[in-house]
Amino acid sequence: MADTLTDTASDPSGQCPEYPMPRATGCPLAPPPAAAELRGEKPITKVRIWNGNTPWLITRHADQRTLLTDPRVSNDDHEPDFPHVNAHRAAIAPHTPKLITNTDAPEHTRLRRSVNAPFLVKRIEAMRPSVQKIVDDLIDAMLAGPNPADLLTALALPVPSLVIAELLGVPYKDHDFFQENSNRVLDSSLSPEEAGAAGRALGQYLDTLFREKLAEPADDVLSEMAGRVKNGEMAHEEAVNMGVAMLIAGHETTATMISLGTLALFEHPDQLAVLRETDDLKVVNGAVDELLRYLSIVQSGLRRVAKEDIEVGGQVIRKGDGLLFDLQTANWDPEAFPDAERLDLSRPARQHNAFGYGPHQCLGQNLARLELQVVYGTLYKRIPTLSPAAPIDQLAFNHTGTAYGVKCLPVTW
């Protein structure tokens, strides 16, 4: 029989564990142990977030896939009980325009269709030669520069920044501006006023650029959206805000995966050797998905709200209850991935939830995969002696952004 707990707001007794949960000292690449323990004992349970509200935490891989495809689960962050990631997100939600990141069908379907074409596999695959040149040029520059080097600033950040700038039609000369402000928008340690100022700066920047694309379109995504605005398929504000969202999402997570993935490979030299020695693209592609599964860097969880009562896993989730999906804990679920705590690049890991699942699965996943395939398939062969220049226990990790990763990765060769 299903449990029928109905508390949707607060935790006056203080019995619910806090979320996000801390990682174990000495195990920076593993999911928080408390979340892993809940997956085994209480895979659907209440947790307490920053404002005292108690949404449900979903930690099992199968339960996540069930709920993320359930039309009764909403991505609409305008809902009053939506479990926002921080005070800034809660403050701006009532004023946020409709985007693919905060709508449900049919509005989400319309908006997603308007920006989907540039991110389809065929269009993304056509970018492989240009991405390869970007990676090769950056590796050349790193090899010509100082040794040791910071892999984050030498390679991990420039690759996705250059690629998303080229794809969207954003001048790369402005990358310091959009990287800094994107990071500030996503940093939960900042005040709502600080994060809001960064968001407005990005919005003003994209609005100016978008007006230029309306007047003089080019071969890029912003120009494609400008055409849709002229045809009445999108509103001007929708297009600008979509551009901001894609600019933010297009570099932070992939940069984190490049550096954190390399760190994980340093910690597993037998797996690093696989990528160093292979010329088989299928092996590289499989390695990308296994590293995505193993690291699952979105540390704030996917966030949703129930539009109706839902029974899942022997539990009743009531209408209005918030939902949190802890991705790394689900991707280390032994029922989905046997021996899940082991990094194994030969594992068929394509069924991971690192990009989410269902209709709101990450729009840019094909682009992210391409960038990671090129980097992981090139870096360790171009620099076969690449190794860490500092032990893992001396590295600083980012615990406040959307993506979990290292703040600096010193490497030598």
Protein backbone atom coordinates (compact mmCIF):
# COMPACT_ATOMS: atom_id res chain seq x y z
CA MET A 1 0.00 0.00 0.00
CA ALA A 2 1.27 3.44 -0.88
CA ASP A 3 2.40 5.87 1.79
CA THR A 4 0.17 8.94 1.82
CA LEU A 5 2.33 11.57 3.52
CA THR A 6 1.04 14.94 2.36
CA ASP A 7 3.29 17.63 3.88
CA THR A 8 4.22 19.94 1.00
CA ALA A 9 5.57 23.04 2.63
CA SER A 10 7.78 22.98 5.72
CA ASP A 11 9.62 20.67 8.07
CA PRO A 12 8.84 21.95 11.57
CA SER A 13 10.31 18.89 13.28
CA GLY A 14 13.61 19.19 11.41
CA GLN A 15 13.58 15.50 10.53
CA CYS A 16 14.09 15.83 6.78
CA PRO A 17 17.69 15.75 5.55
CA GLU A 18 18.96 18.92 3.89
CA TYR A 19 19.50 19.09 0.14
CA PRO A 20 21.92 19.50 -1.58
CA MET A 21 23.95 17.03 0.47
CA PRO A 22 27.70 17.24 1.15
CA ARG A 23 30.18 14.96 -0.58
CA ALA A 24 32.46 12.80 1.51
CA THR A 25 35.91 14.18 2.31
CA GLY A 26 38.43 12.32 0.19
CA CYS A 27 35.81 11.16 -2.36
CA PRO A 28 35.16 14.27 -4.47
CA LEU A 29 34.04 12.36 -7.58
CA ALA A 30 31.43 10.19 -5.83
CA PRO A 31 27.81 11.16 -5.12
CA PRO A 32 27.06 12.39 -1.60
CA PRO A 33 26.96 9.27 0.61
CA ALA A 34 23.72 10.35 2.31
CA ALA A 35 21.96 10.49 -1.07
CA ALA A 36 23.32 7.06 -2.02
CA GLU A 37 22.07 5.69 1.31
CA LEU A 38 18.60 7.11 0.65
CA ARG A 39 18.53 5.46 -2.78
CA GLY A 40 18.86 2.08 -1.08
CA GLU A 41 16.56 2.72 1.88
CA LYS A 42 14.13 5.53 0.92
CA PRO A 43 14.46 6.15 -2.82
CA ILE A 44 11.49 8.56 -2.75
CA THR A 45 11.66 10.70 0.38
CA LYS A 46 11.22 14.25 1.61
CA VAL A 47 14.22 16.59 1.95
CA ARG A 48 14.53 20.17 3.17
CA ILE A 49 15.79 22.88 0.80
CA TRP A 50 17.08 26.42 1.35
CA ASN A 51 13.69 28.01 2.16
CA GLY A 52 12.47 25.25 4.52
CA ASN A 53 10.19 23.61 1.94
CA THR A 54 10.25 19.82 1.71
CA PRO A 55 10.04 18.46 -1.84
CA TRP A 56 10.46 14.79 -2.67
CA LEU A 57 13.96 13.59 -3.55
CA ILE A 58 14.00 10.94 -6.31
CA THR A 59 17.23 8.93 -6.30
CA ARG A 60 16.51 5.71 -8.21
CA HIS A 61 17.21 5.56 -11.95
CA ALA A 62 13.95 3.82 -12.90
CA ASP A 63 11.79 6.15 -10.77
CA GLN A 64 13.41 9.17 -12.38
CA ARG A 65 12.65 7.90 -15.86
CA THR A 66 9.06 7.12 -14.90
CA LEU A 67 8.41 10.57 -13.46
CA LEU A 68 10.34 12.61 -16.03
CA THR A 69 8.08 11.23 -18.78
CA ASP A 70 4.85 11.62 -16.78
CA PRO A 71 2.71 14.50 -18.14
CA ARG A 72 1.48 15.13 -14.58
CA VAL A 73 5.01 16.30 -13.68
CA SER A 74 5.48 19.97 -14.54
CA ASN A 75 8.56 22.02 -15.41
CA ASP A 76 6.65 25.29 -14.88
CA ASP A 77 8.64 27.28 -12.33
CA HIS A 78 5.80 29.80 -12.05
CA GLU A 79 3.90 27.26 -9.91
CA PRO A 80 3.72 28.42 -6.26
CA ASP A 81 5.30 25.27 -4.78
CA PHE A 82 8.02 24.81 -7.39
CA PRO A 83 11.27 23.87 -5.55
CA HIS A 84 13.55 26.65 -6.81
CA VAL A 85 17.29 26.16 -6.53
CA ASN A 86 17.87 29.39 -4.60
CA ALA A 87 16.32 32.69 -3.53
CA HIS A 88 17.28 34.43 -6.77
CA ARG A 89 15.45 31.89 -8.92
CA ALA A 90 12.39 32.10 -6.67
CA ALA A 91 12.40 35.90 -6.86
CA ILE A 92 12.61 36.13 -10.63
CA ALA A 93 10.32 33.20 -11.49
CA PRO A 94 7.07 35.24 -11.57
CA HIS A 95 8.71 37.65 -14.03
CA THR A 96 10.55 35.10 -16.18
CA PRO A 97 9.25 34.75 -19.75
CA LYS A 98 8.15 31.41 -21.13
CA LEU A 99 11.14 29.34 -22.28
CA ILE A 100 11.82 25.70 -23.06
CA THR A 101 13.31 25.51 -19.56
CA ASN A 102 10.13 26.45 -17.69
CA THR A 103 7.12 25.37 -19.78
CA ASP A 104 5.10 22.24 -20.46
CA ALA A 105 3.37 21.03 -23.61
CA PRO A 106 1.92 22.46 -25.79
CA GLU A 107 3.87 25.71 -25.17
CA HIS A 108 7.11 23.82 -24.60
CA THR A 109 6.59 21.84 -27.81
CA ARG A 110 6.19 25.05 -29.84
CA LEU A 111 9.22 26.73 -28.31
CA ARG A 112 11.43 23.65 -28.57
CA ARG A 113 10.50 23.17 -32.22
CA SER A 114 11.52 26.77 -32.92
CA VAL A 115 15.15 26.15 -31.82
CA ASN A 116 15.54 22.41 -32.31
CA ALA A 117 16.91 22.26 -35.88
CA PRO A 118 20.45 23.59 -35.24
CA PHE A 119 20.95 21.00 -32.49
CA LEU A 120 19.92 17.91 -34.45
CA VAL A 121 22.55 15.20 -34.93
CA LYS A 122 23.17 15.88 -38.63
CA ARG A 123 23.73 19.63 -38.14
CA ILE A 124 25.94 19.09 -35.12
CA GLU A 125 28.00 16.36 -36.80
CA ALA A 126 28.75 18.76 -39.66
CA MET A 127 30.58 20.92 -37.09
CA ARG A 128 33.11 18.18 -36.25
CA PRO A 129 35.92 19.52 -38.49
CA SER A 130 35.62 23.04 -37.06
CA VAL A 131 35.49 21.72 -33.48
CA GLN A 132 38.54 19.56 -34.22
CA LYS A 133 40.44 22.63 -35.45
CA ILE A 134 39.48 24.60 -32.34
CA VAL A 135 40.74 21.79 -30.09
CA ASP A 136 43.96 21.29 -32.05
CA ASP A 137 44.74 25.01 -32.07
CA LEU A 138 44.17 25.28 -28.31
CA ILE A 139 46.37 22.25 -27.62
CA ASP A 140 49.10 23.78 -29.84
CA ALA A 141 48.87 26.99 -27.81
CA MET A 142 48.98 25.11 -24.52
CA LEU A 143 52.07 23.15 -25.60
CA ALA A 144 53.76 26.39 -26.63
CA GLY A 145 52.94 28.05 -23.32
CA PRO A 146 54.05 27.56 -19.73
CA ASN A 147 54.31 24.10 -18.18
CA PRO A 148 52.50 23.38 -15.86
CA ALA A 149 49.27 24.88 -17.20
CA ASP A 150 45.70 25.18 -15.96
CA LEU A 151 43.65 22.88 -18.20
CA LEU A 152 40.46 24.75 -17.30
CA THR A 153 41.60 28.09 -18.72
CA ALA A 154 43.86 26.66 -21.46
CA LEU A 155 41.34 24.23 -22.98
CA ALA A 156 38.19 23.39 -21.03
CA LEU A 157 36.63 26.86 -21.03
CA PRO A 158 37.74 28.07 -24.49
CA VAL A 159 36.48 25.00 -26.39
CA PRO A 160 32.75 25.28 -25.59
CA SER A 161 32.90 29.08 -25.50
CA LEU A 162 34.34 29.23 -29.01
CA VAL A 163 31.90 26.60 -30.28
CA ILE A 164 28.73 28.12 -28.80
CA ALA A 165 29.82 31.59 -29.92
CA GLU A 166 30.25 30.31 -33.49
CA LEU A 167 26.96 28.41 -33.41
CA LEU A 168 24.88 31.26 -31.98
CA GLY A 169 26.68 34.06 -33.81
CA VAL A 170 28.07 35.71 -30.67
CA PRO A 171 31.45 37.49 -31.02
CA TYR A 172 34.03 35.41 -29.15
CA LYS A 173 35.89 38.62 -28.22
CA ASP A 174 33.11 39.09 -25.64
CA HIS A 175 33.71 35.68 -24.01
CA ASP A 176 35.07 37.11 -20.74
CA PHE A 177 31.85 39.10 -20.35
CA PHE A 178 29.43 36.26 -21.03
CA GLN A 179 31.44 33.67 -19.08
CA GLU A 180 31.64 35.86 -15.99
CA ASN A 181 27.98 36.84 -16.03
CA SER A 182 26.80 33.32 -16.86
CA ASN A 183 28.69 32.00 -13.85
CA ARG A 184 27.20 34.69 -11.63
CA VAL A 185 23.65 33.85 -12.75
CA LEU A 186 24.22 30.21 -11.76
CA ASP A 187 26.12 30.81 -8.50
CA SER A 188 23.84 30.00 -5.55
CA SER A 189 26.22 31.77 -3.14
CA LEU A 190 25.40 35.19 -4.61
CA SER A 191 22.51 37.39 -3.52
CA PRO A 192 19.40 37.69 -5.70
CA GLU A 193 20.47 41.27 -6.49
CA GLU A 194 23.94 40.20 -7.68
CA ALA A 195 22.64 37.30 -9.78
CA GLY A 196 19.85 39.49 -11.14
CA ALA A 197 22.29 42.18 -12.26
CA ALA A 198 24.30 39.56 -14.16
CA GLY A 199 21.15 38.22 -15.82
CA ARG A 200 20.07 41.71 -16.90
CA ALA A 201 23.52 42.40 -18.32
CA LEU A 202 23.32 39.26 -20.44
CA GLY A 203 19.80 40.13 -21.54
CA GLN A 204 20.80 43.62 -22.65
CA TYR A 205 23.83 42.24 -24.48
CA LEU A 206 21.78 39.62 -26.37
CA ASP A 207 19.02 42.11 -27.14
CA THR A 208 21.51 44.44 -28.84
CA LEU A 209 23.09 41.58 -30.76
CA PHE A 210 19.70 40.16 -31.77
CA ARG A 211 18.61 43.52 -33.21
CA GLU A 212 21.77 43.46 -35.34
CA LYS A 213 20.82 39.98 -36.59
CA LEU A 214 17.33 41.21 -37.46
CA ALA A 215 18.87 43.94 -39.62
CA GLU A 216 21.72 41.88 -41.08
CA PRO A 217 21.19 38.10 -40.67
CA ALA A 218 24.12 35.70 -40.93
CA ASP A 219 24.51 31.91 -40.91
CA ASP A 220 23.94 31.31 -37.21
CA VAL A 221 21.26 30.34 -34.69
CA LEU A 222 20.43 33.90 -33.60
CA SER A 223 19.80 34.82 -37.23
CA GLU A 224 17.56 31.76 -37.65
CA MET A 225 15.54 32.91 -34.64
CA ALA A 226 15.43 36.42 -36.08
CA GLY A 227 13.80 34.94 -39.17
CA ARG A 228 11.20 33.23 -36.99
CA VAL A 229 10.46 36.53 -35.25
CA LYS A 230 9.95 38.23 -38.62
CA ASN A 231 7.60 35.40 -39.65
CA GLY A 232 5.58 35.75 -36.46
CA GLU A 233 6.60 32.31 -35.12
CA MET A 234 8.39 33.75 -32.06
CA ALA A 235 8.15 36.95 -30.07
CA HIS A 236 11.23 39.18 -29.91
CA GLU A 237 11.51 38.75 -26.13
CA GLU A 238 11.19 34.97 -26.46
CA ALA A 239 14.08 34.86 -28.90
CA VAL A 240 16.32 37.08 -26.77
CA ASN A 241 15.69 35.09 -23.62
CA MET A 242 16.19 31.82 -25.50
CA GLY A 243 19.53 33.16 -26.71
CA VAL A 244 20.55 34.01 -23.14
CA ALA A 245 19.58 30.54 -21.94
CA MET A 246 21.55 28.83 -24.74
CA LEU A 247 24.59 31.03 -24.16
CA ILE A 248 24.64 30.18 -20.44
CA ALA A 249 24.02 26.48 -20.95
CA GLY A 250 26.35 26.19 -23.92
CA HIS A 251 29.67 26.52 -22.15
CA GLU A 252 29.55 25.97 -18.38
CA THR A 253 28.61 22.31 -18.22
CA THR A 254 30.83 21.17 -21.10
CA ALA A 255 33.82 23.08 -19.71
CA THR A 256 33.26 21.37 -16.40
CA MET A 257 33.04 17.95 -18.04
CA ILE A 258 36.31 18.46 -19.92
CA SER A 259 38.27 19.28 -16.77
CA LEU A 260 36.47 16.98 -14.33
CA GLY A 261 36.50 14.12 -16.86
CA THR A 262 40.25 14.53 -17.25
CA LEU A 263 40.64 14.47 -13.47
CA ALA A 264 38.58 11.27 -13.28
CA LEU A 265 40.82 9.70 -15.92
CA PHE A 266 43.94 10.74 -13.99
CA GLU A 267 42.45 8.87 -11.02
CA HIS A 268 41.88 5.80 -13.25
CA PRO A 269 45.06 5.50 -15.37
CA ASP A 270 43.96 2.18 -16.89
CA GLN A 271 40.91 3.95 -18.36
CA LEU A 272 42.98 6.94 -19.48
CA ALA A 273 45.15 4.47 -21.41
CA VAL A 274 42.07 3.31 -23.34
CA LEU A 275 41.54 6.80 -24.79
CA ARG A 276 45.23 7.42 -25.28
CA GLU A 277 45.62 4.28 -27.39
CA THR A 278 42.38 4.03 -29.39
CA ASP A 279 41.60 5.35 -32.87
CA ASP A 280 38.08 3.88 -32.78
CA LEU A 281 35.43 6.61 -32.66
CA LYS A 282 32.93 4.13 -31.21
CA VAL A 283 35.24 3.57 -28.24
CA VAL A 284 35.56 7.32 -27.74
CA ASN A 285 31.80 7.83 -28.01
CA GLY A 286 31.18 5.12 -25.43
CA ALA A 287 33.78 6.66 -23.14
CA VAL A 288 31.99 10.01 -23.30
CA ASP A 289 28.72 8.48 -22.11
CA GLU A 290 30.43 6.53 -19.33
CA LEU A 291 32.15 9.67 -18.07
CA LEU A 292 28.84 11.55 -18.26
CA ARG A 293 27.23 8.77 -16.22
CA TYR A 294 30.05 8.57 -13.73
CA LEU A 295 30.28 12.30 -13.04
CA SER A 296 26.74 13.64 -13.72
CA ILE A 297 27.90 17.15 -12.93
CA VAL A 298 24.52 18.91 -12.47
CA GLN A 299 24.71 19.04 -8.67
CA SER A 300 21.55 21.04 -7.90
CA GLY A 301 19.25 18.34 -9.27
CA LEU A 302 16.47 18.63 -11.84
CA ARG A 303 13.44 20.35 -10.31
CA ARG A 304 9.76 19.79 -11.03
CA VAL A 305 6.32 20.04 -9.40
CA ALA A 306 3.37 17.62 -9.47
CA LYS A 307 0.24 18.88 -11.24
CA GLU A 308 -1.84 15.95 -9.98
CA ASP A 309 -1.55 13.14 -7.45
CA ILE A 310 0.94 10.51 -8.65
CA GLU A 311 1.70 7.08 -7.22
CA VAL A 312 5.19 5.77 -7.92
CA GLY A 313 7.46 3.32 -6.14
CA GLY A 314 4.88 2.67 -3.43
CA GLN A 315 4.64 6.39 -2.61
CA VAL A 316 1.90 8.95 -3.27
CA ILE A 317 3.12 12.33 -4.46
CA ARG A 318 0.37 14.90 -3.98
CA LYS A 319 -0.65 17.68 -6.35
CA GLY A 320 1.57 20.69 -5.64
CA ASP A 321 4.46 18.66 -4.18
CA GLY A 322 7.91 19.63 -5.39
CA LEU A 323 10.22 17.03 -6.92
CA LEU A 324 14.04 16.89 -7.01
CA PHE A 325 15.90 14.44 -9.24
CA ASP A 326 19.46 13.75 -8.04
CA LEU A 327 21.13 12.69 -11.27
CA GLN A 328 24.47 11.30 -10.11
CA THR A 329 22.88 9.16 -7.42
CA ALA A 330 20.55 7.65 -10.04
CA ASN A 331 23.45 7.16 -12.44
CA TRP A 332 25.25 5.18 -9.73
CA ASP A 333 22.16 3.00 -9.18
CA PRO A 334 23.41 -0.63 -9.21
CA GLU A 335 20.04 -1.80 -10.53
CA ALA A 336 20.65 0.22 -13.71
CA PHE A 337 24.45 -0.01 -13.86
CA PRO A 338 26.03 -3.01 -12.10
CA ASP A 339 29.26 -2.14 -10.28
CA ALA A 340 28.21 1.47 -10.82
CA GLU A 341 30.92 2.99 -8.60
CA ARG A 342 33.58 1.78 -11.05
CA LEU A 343 34.60 3.92 -14.04
CA ASP A 344 34.56 1.50 -16.99
CA LEU A 345 34.84 3.05 -20.45
CA SER A 346 33.71 -0.20 -22.05
CA ARG A 347 30.38 -0.05 -20.20
CA PRO A 348 27.27 0.53 -22.37
CA ALA A 349 26.19 3.65 -20.48
CA ARG A 350 23.98 5.42 -23.01
CA GLN A 351 20.93 5.02 -20.74
CA HIS A 352 22.31 7.45 -18.15
CA ASN A 353 20.25 10.42 -16.95
CA ALA A 354 23.05 13.01 -17.06
CA PHE A 355 21.13 15.05 -19.66
CA GLY A 356 17.82 14.48 -17.93
CA TYR A 357 15.16 12.39 -19.63
CA GLY A 358 11.86 12.81 -21.42
CA PRO A 359 10.54 15.86 -23.29
CA HIS A 360 12.80 18.26 -21.37
CA GLN A 361 16.00 16.33 -22.03
CA CYS A 362 18.91 18.73 -22.65
CA LEU A 363 18.56 20.54 -26.00
CA GLY A 364 22.34 20.78 -26.40
CA GLN A 365 23.25 17.17 -25.63
CA ASN A 366 24.37 16.41 -29.21
CA LEU A 367 26.65 19.44 -29.18
CA ALA A 368 28.06 18.53 -25.77
CA ARG A 369 28.74 14.97 -26.90
CA LEU A 370 30.53 16.20 -30.03
CA GLU A 371 32.77 18.57 -28.06
CA LEU A 372 33.62 15.88 -25.50
CA GLN A 373 34.26 13.28 -28.21
CA VAL A 374 36.73 15.57 -29.94
CA VAL A 375 38.51 16.61 -26.72
CA TYR A 376 38.68 13.15 -25.15
CA GLY A 377 39.64 11.62 -28.49
CA THR A 378 42.43 14.14 -29.12
CA LEU A 379 43.96 15.51 -25.91
CA TYR A 380 45.50 12.36 -24.44
CA LYS A 381 46.92 11.21 -27.79
CA ARG A 382 48.34 14.65 -28.61
CA ILE A 383 49.90 14.86 -25.13
CA PRO A 384 50.50 11.23 -24.08
CA THR A 385 52.49 12.31 -20.99
CA LEU A 386 49.71 14.58 -19.70
CA SER A 387 49.48 14.19 -15.92
CA PRO A 388 48.24 16.10 -12.88
CA ALA A 389 50.51 18.81 -11.49
CA ALA A 390 48.76 18.79 -8.11
CA PRO A 391 47.22 15.98 -6.03
CA ILE A 392 43.45 15.72 -5.98
CA ASP A 393 43.24 16.60 -2.28
CA GLN A 394 44.77 20.01 -3.02
CA LEU A 395 42.21 20.96 -5.68
CA ALA A 396 39.36 23.39 -5.04
CA PHE A 397 35.91 22.27 -6.17
CA ASN A 398 32.88 24.37 -7.07
CA HIS A 399 30.05 23.50 -4.68
CA THR A 400 27.80 26.50 -5.40
CA GLY A 401 27.24 26.51 -9.17
CA THR A 402 24.80 24.44 -11.17
CA ALA A 403 27.67 22.24 -12.35
CA TYR A 404 30.08 20.54 -9.96
CA GLY A 405 33.70 20.74 -11.00
CA VAL A 406 37.22 21.93 -10.27
CA LYS A 407 38.06 25.63 -10.12
CA CYS A 408 41.52 24.94 -11.51
CA LEU A 409 43.20 21.79 -12.88
CA PRO A 410 47.01 22.12 -13.00
CA VAL A 411 48.52 19.72 -15.54
CA THR A 412 52.01 18.97 -16.77
CA TRP A 413 53.57 16.90 -19.56
